[in-house]
Amino acid sequence: MQPINFISFITVIGFFLGIVFSILSTNSAESMLLYSTIVSFTFYMIAHVSISVYVRFIDIKSQYFERDFYEATLDQFVYELQKREVIIEDESSEVDEDDIIKAVARA
């Protein structure tokens, strides 16, 4: 998960928890807005601190992406799917519509 996605996710969670907390604790609109803002900001700051600690102490290394290997594998999958499509088309052309109607009527 990208850091910005994590921050956004935690902030949205904080927003909804702030709304729930403010609904349970107060009835005035100003207090609800204030509590929601405070809880959302708190969760936002917690997310930033978590990302900062993660980036600081966890060694993030770029990984080598073996593009040729994956392209060859995906090409093989595409070839296999094309072969299966040809087989299915050949099999389906041999089936007559009357046979399908009779089979459905028996069931």
C-alpha atoms as a PDB file:
ATOM      1  CA  MET A   1       0.000   0.000   0.000  1.00  0.00           C
ATOM      2  CA  GLN A   2       1.364   3.402  -0.942  1.00  0.00           C
ATOM      3  CA  PRO A   3       1.934   5.816   1.976  1.00  0.00           C
ATOM      4  CA  ILE A   4      -0.549   8.377   0.601  1.00  0.00           C
ATOM      5  CA  ASN A   5      -3.230   5.688   0.349  1.00  0.00           C
ATOM      6  CA  PHE A   6      -2.564   4.636   3.937  1.00  0.00           C
ATOM      7  CA  ILE A   7      -2.798   8.232   5.148  1.00  0.00           C
ATOM      8  CA  SER A   8      -6.059   8.769   3.255  1.00  0.00           C
ATOM      9  CA  PHE A   9      -7.529   5.514   4.558  1.00  0.00           C
ATOM     10  CA  ILE A  10      -6.684   6.273   8.192  1.00  0.00           C
ATOM     11  CA  THR A  11      -7.971   9.856   7.846  1.00  0.00           C
ATOM     12  CA  VAL A  12     -11.316   8.629   6.496  1.00  0.00           C
ATOM     13  CA  ILE A  13     -11.573   6.132   9.346  1.00  0.00           C
ATOM     14  CA  GLY A  14     -10.846   8.971  11.776  1.00  0.00           C
ATOM     15  CA  PHE A  15     -13.506  11.117  10.146  1.00  0.00           C
ATOM     16  CA  PHE A  16     -16.210   8.490  10.522  1.00  0.00           C
ATOM     17  CA  LEU A  17     -15.153   7.649  14.068  1.00  0.00           C
ATOM     18  CA  GLY A  18     -15.235  11.382  14.827  1.00  0.00           C
ATOM     19  CA  ILE A  19     -18.782  11.591  13.502  1.00  0.00           C
ATOM     20  CA  VAL A  20     -19.844   8.596  15.611  1.00  0.00           C
ATOM     21  CA  PHE A  21     -18.146  10.037  18.699  1.00  0.00           C
ATOM     22  CA  SER A  22     -19.694  13.457  18.176  1.00  0.00           C
ATOM     23  CA  ILE A  23     -23.177  12.004  17.637  1.00  0.00           C
ATOM     24  CA  LEU A  24     -22.876   9.988  20.845  1.00  0.00           C
ATOM     25  CA  SER A  25     -21.470  12.849  22.930  1.00  0.00           C
ATOM     26  CA  THR A  26     -23.275  16.006  21.848  1.00  0.00           C
ATOM     27  CA  ASN A  27     -26.324  17.375  20.102  1.00  0.00           C
ATOM     28  CA  SER A  28     -25.134  20.743  18.835  1.00  0.00           C
ATOM     29  CA  ALA A  29     -23.864  21.092  15.275  1.00  0.00           C
ATOM     30  CA  GLU A  30     -20.854  23.185  16.277  1.00  0.00           C
ATOM     31  CA  SER A  31     -19.663  20.562  18.740  1.00  0.00           C
ATOM     32  CA  MET A  32     -20.174  17.799  16.195  1.00  0.00           C
ATOM     33  CA  LEU A  33     -18.072  19.699  13.663  1.00  0.00           C
ATOM     34  CA  LEU A  34     -15.380  20.437  16.237  1.00  0.00           C
ATOM     35  CA  TYR A  35     -15.180  16.830  17.503  1.00  0.00           C
ATOM     36  CA  SER A  36     -15.148  15.399  13.979  1.00  0.00           C
ATOM     37  CA  THR A  37     -12.368  17.783  12.974  1.00  0.00           C
ATOM     38  CA  ILE A  38     -10.280  17.049  16.062  1.00  0.00           C
ATOM     39  CA  VAL A  39     -10.615  13.262  15.734  1.00  0.00           C
ATOM     40  CA  SER A  40      -9.919  13.364  11.989  1.00  0.00           C
ATOM     41  CA  PHE A  41      -6.826  15.513  12.537  1.00  0.00           C
ATOM     42  CA  THR A  42      -5.641  13.187  15.312  1.00  0.00           C
ATOM     43  CA  PHE A  43      -5.943  10.162  13.042  1.00  0.00           C
ATOM     44  CA  TYR A  44      -4.228  12.128  10.252  1.00  0.00           C
ATOM     45  CA  MET A  45      -1.274  12.881  12.521  1.00  0.00           C
ATOM     46  CA  ILE A  46      -1.119   9.264  13.745  1.00  0.00           C
ATOM     47  CA  ALA A  47      -0.986   8.096  10.126  1.00  0.00           C
ATOM     48  CA  HIS A  48       1.850  10.520   9.356  1.00  0.00           C
ATOM     49  CA  VAL A  49       3.825   9.433  12.405  1.00  0.00           C
ATOM     50  CA  SER A  50       3.298   5.777  11.490  1.00  0.00           C
ATOM     51  CA  ILE A  51       4.500   6.334   7.931  1.00  0.00           C
ATOM     52  CA  SER A  52       7.496   8.332   9.166  1.00  0.00           C
ATOM     53  CA  VAL A  53       8.516   5.583  11.579  1.00  0.00           C
ATOM     54  CA  TYR A  54       8.025   2.939   8.917  1.00  0.00           C
ATOM     55  CA  VAL A  55      10.123   4.773   6.341  1.00  0.00           C
ATOM     56  CA  ARG A  56      12.792   5.625   8.924  1.00  0.00           C
ATOM     57  CA  PHE A  57      13.319   2.172  10.404  1.00  0.00           C
ATOM     58  CA  ILE A  58      12.324  -0.188   7.620  1.00  0.00           C
ATOM     59  CA  ASP A  59      14.823  -0.376   4.803  1.00  0.00           C
ATOM     60  CA  ILE A  60      12.837   0.027   1.602  1.00  0.00           C
ATOM     61  CA  LYS A  61      14.748  -1.413  -1.312  1.00  0.00           C
ATOM     62  CA  SER A  62      13.735  -1.221  -4.888  1.00  0.00           C
ATOM     63  CA  GLN A  63      13.151  -4.615  -6.393  1.00  0.00           C
ATOM     64  CA  TYR A  64      14.298  -5.702  -9.797  1.00  0.00           C
ATOM     65  CA  PHE A  65      11.309  -6.445 -11.980  1.00  0.00           C
ATOM     66  CA  GLU A  66      12.082  -9.319 -14.341  1.00  0.00           C
ATOM     67  CA  ARG A  67      10.148  -7.942 -17.271  1.00  0.00           C
ATOM     68  CA  ASP A  68      11.312 -10.471 -19.853  1.00  0.00           C
ATOM     69  CA  PHE A  69      10.333 -13.394 -17.637  1.00  0.00           C
ATOM     70  CA  TYR A  70       6.866 -12.016 -16.938  1.00  0.00           C
ATOM     71  CA  GLU A  71       6.258 -11.103 -20.564  1.00  0.00           C
ATOM     72  CA  ALA A  72       7.225 -14.612 -21.669  1.00  0.00           C
ATOM     73  CA  THR A  73       4.952 -16.135 -19.033  1.00  0.00           C
ATOM     74  CA  LEU A  74       2.029 -13.913 -20.010  1.00  0.00           C
ATOM     75  CA  ASP A  75       2.581 -14.668 -23.693  1.00  0.00           C
ATOM     76  CA  GLN A  76       2.431 -18.376 -22.851  1.00  0.00           C
ATOM     77  CA  PHE A  77      -0.867 -17.842 -20.997  1.00  0.00           C
ATOM     78  CA  VAL A  78      -2.307 -15.945 -23.956  1.00  0.00           C
ATOM     79  CA  TYR A  79      -1.224 -18.731 -26.318  1.00  0.00           C
ATOM     80  CA  GLU A  80      -2.863 -21.364 -24.086  1.00  0.00           C
ATOM     81  CA  LEU A  81      -6.087 -19.344 -23.906  1.00  0.00           C
ATOM     82  CA  GLN A  82      -6.171 -18.951 -27.685  1.00  0.00           C
ATOM     83  CA  LYS A  83      -5.732 -22.713 -28.107  1.00  0.00           C
ATOM     84  CA  ARG A  84      -8.590 -23.359 -25.675  1.00  0.00           C
ATOM     85  CA  GLU A  85     -10.820 -20.869 -27.478  1.00  0.00           C
ATOM     86  CA  VAL A  86     -10.229 -22.694 -30.760  1.00  0.00           C
ATOM     87  CA  ILE A  87     -11.066 -26.025 -29.129  1.00  0.00           C
ATOM     88  CA  ILE A  88     -14.240 -24.629 -27.562  1.00  0.00           C
ATOM     89  CA  GLU A  89     -15.331 -23.026 -30.837  1.00  0.00           C
ATOM     90  CA  ASP A  90     -14.777 -26.329 -32.657  1.00  0.00           C
ATOM     91  CA  GLU A  91     -16.752 -28.243 -30.033  1.00  0.00           C
ATOM     92  CA  SER A  92     -19.587 -25.708 -29.966  1.00  0.00           C
ATOM     93  CA  SER A  93     -19.917 -25.729 -33.752  1.00  0.00           C
ATOM     94  CA  GLU A  94     -20.562 -29.488 -33.645  1.00  0.00           C
ATOM     95  CA  VAL A  95     -23.485 -29.085 -31.229  1.00  0.00           C
ATOM     96  CA  ASP A  96     -26.802 -28.527 -32.927  1.00  0.00           C
ATOM     97  CA  GLU A  97     -29.347 -26.104 -31.464  1.00  0.00           C
ATOM     98  CA  ASP A  98     -32.004 -28.820 -31.535  1.00  0.00           C
ATOM     99  CA  ASP A  99     -29.831 -30.987 -29.302  1.00  0.00           C
ATOM    100  CA  ILE A 100     -29.574 -28.151 -26.774  1.00  0.00           C
ATOM    101  CA  ILE A 101     -33.350 -27.608 -26.800  1.00  0.00           C
ATOM    102  CA  LYS A 102     -33.965 -31.347 -26.271  1.00  0.00           C
ATOM    103  CA  ALA A 103     -31.444 -31.479 -23.424  1.00  0.00           C
ATOM    104  CA  VAL A 104     -33.043 -28.509 -21.692  1.00  0.00           C
ATOM    105  CA  ALA A 105     -36.513 -29.959 -22.156  1.00  0.00           C
ATOM    106  CA  ARG A 106     -35.431 -33.262 -20.550  1.00  0.00           C
ATOM    107  CA  ALA A 107     -33.980 -31.463 -17.540  1.00  0.00           C
END
